């Protein structure tokens, strides 16, 4: 089956596998393939964004992973083993 996530200290943490499976989510941001924001996301950086809660990050319609917004920034939840230096 597909791993959806896990409970961490009484809150839900979505799994990266679920993000890759999703085609859309109510809370989604999509960046162009060659954008600086996408490169920063793939490197593990925090991104400015007005979204709140778990947000699906996409590149030209392809799901990449999750980030968690606080209304000012998206905190990166891209797996550390997959991050690449910019």
Protein backbone atom coordinates (compact mmCIF):
# COMPACT_ATOMS: atom_id res chain seq x y z
CA UNK A 1 0.00 0.00 0.00
CA UNK A 2 0.85 3.66 -0.09
CA UNK A 3 2.32 5.27 3.04
CA UNK A 4 0.28 8.37 3.84
CA UNK A 5 2.27 9.59 6.82
CA UNK A 6 2.67 9.19 10.55
CA UNK A 7 1.58 10.76 13.82
CA UNK A 8 4.38 12.80 15.36
CA UNK A 9 3.75 14.28 18.82
CA UNK A 10 -0.04 14.38 18.28
CA UNK A 11 0.17 15.85 14.77
CA UNK A 12 0.17 14.31 11.32
CA UNK A 13 3.33 14.31 9.19
CA UNK A 14 2.60 13.38 5.56
CA UNK A 15 4.90 10.92 3.79
CA UNK A 16 7.01 11.88 0.80
CA UNK A 17 5.60 8.90 -1.12
CA UNK A 18 2.11 10.36 -0.76
CA UNK A 19 3.28 13.70 -2.15
CA UNK A 20 4.69 11.97 -5.23
CA UNK A 21 1.40 10.13 -5.75
CA UNK A 22 -0.80 13.25 -5.47
CA UNK A 23 -1.86 15.07 -8.64
CA UNK A 24 -3.34 18.08 -6.83
CA UNK A 25 -4.12 19.34 -3.36
CA UNK A 26 -6.18 22.31 -2.18
CA UNK A 27 -2.99 23.88 -0.81
CA UNK A 28 -0.50 23.73 -3.69
CA UNK A 29 2.28 25.88 -5.13
CA UNK A 30 3.73 25.24 -8.57
CA UNK A 31 7.00 26.64 -9.87
CA UNK A 32 8.35 26.68 -13.42
CA UNK A 33 10.99 24.01 -14.08
CA UNK A 34 13.89 26.47 -14.40
CA UNK A 35 12.90 28.83 -11.56
CA UNK A 36 15.19 29.88 -8.74
CA UNK A 37 12.49 28.97 -6.19
CA UNK A 38 12.40 25.38 -7.43
CA UNK A 39 16.20 25.10 -7.24
CA UNK A 40 16.06 26.42 -3.67
CA UNK A 41 13.31 23.93 -2.74
CA UNK A 42 15.31 21.01 -4.11
CA UNK A 43 18.32 22.21 -2.10
CA UNK A 44 16.27 22.24 1.13
CA UNK A 45 15.88 26.00 1.57
CA UNK A 46 12.94 27.87 3.10
CA UNK A 47 10.79 29.73 0.53
CA UNK A 48 8.73 32.91 0.95
CA UNK A 49 5.02 32.13 0.57
CA UNK A 50 1.70 33.17 2.10
CA UNK A 51 0.33 29.60 2.43
CA UNK A 52 -0.47 28.02 5.78
CA UNK A 53 -0.30 24.34 6.69
CA UNK A 54 0.92 21.42 4.62
CA UNK A 55 1.48 22.51 1.03
CA UNK A 56 2.20 20.34 -2.00
CA UNK A 57 5.14 21.69 -4.03
CA UNK A 58 4.98 21.05 -7.77
CA UNK A 59 7.14 21.79 -10.81
CA UNK A 60 5.18 22.32 -14.02
CA UNK A 61 2.40 20.03 -12.76
CA UNK A 62 4.70 17.29 -11.36
CA UNK A 63 4.46 16.65 -7.61
CA UNK A 64 7.80 16.93 -5.81
CA UNK A 65 7.11 16.93 -2.09
CA UNK A 66 5.67 18.78 0.88
CA UNK A 67 6.46 22.01 2.67
CA UNK A 68 4.72 23.48 5.69
CA UNK A 69 3.63 27.10 5.55
CA UNK A 70 3.23 29.48 8.45
CA UNK A 71 1.76 32.35 6.43
CA UNK A 72 5.15 33.94 5.68
CA UNK A 73 7.42 31.11 4.54
CA UNK A 74 7.28 27.48 3.43
CA UNK A 75 9.47 25.30 5.60
CA UNK A 76 10.99 22.59 3.47
CA UNK A 77 10.09 18.93 4.11
CA UNK A 78 11.85 17.54 1.03
CA UNK A 79 13.79 14.42 2.14
CA UNK A 80 17.36 15.27 3.12
CA UNK A 81 18.74 12.32 1.18
CA UNK A 82 17.29 13.74 -2.06
CA UNK A 83 18.41 17.35 -1.64
CA UNK A 84 21.00 18.72 -4.04
CA UNK A 85 23.40 21.59 -3.62
CA UNK A 86 22.82 24.78 -5.59
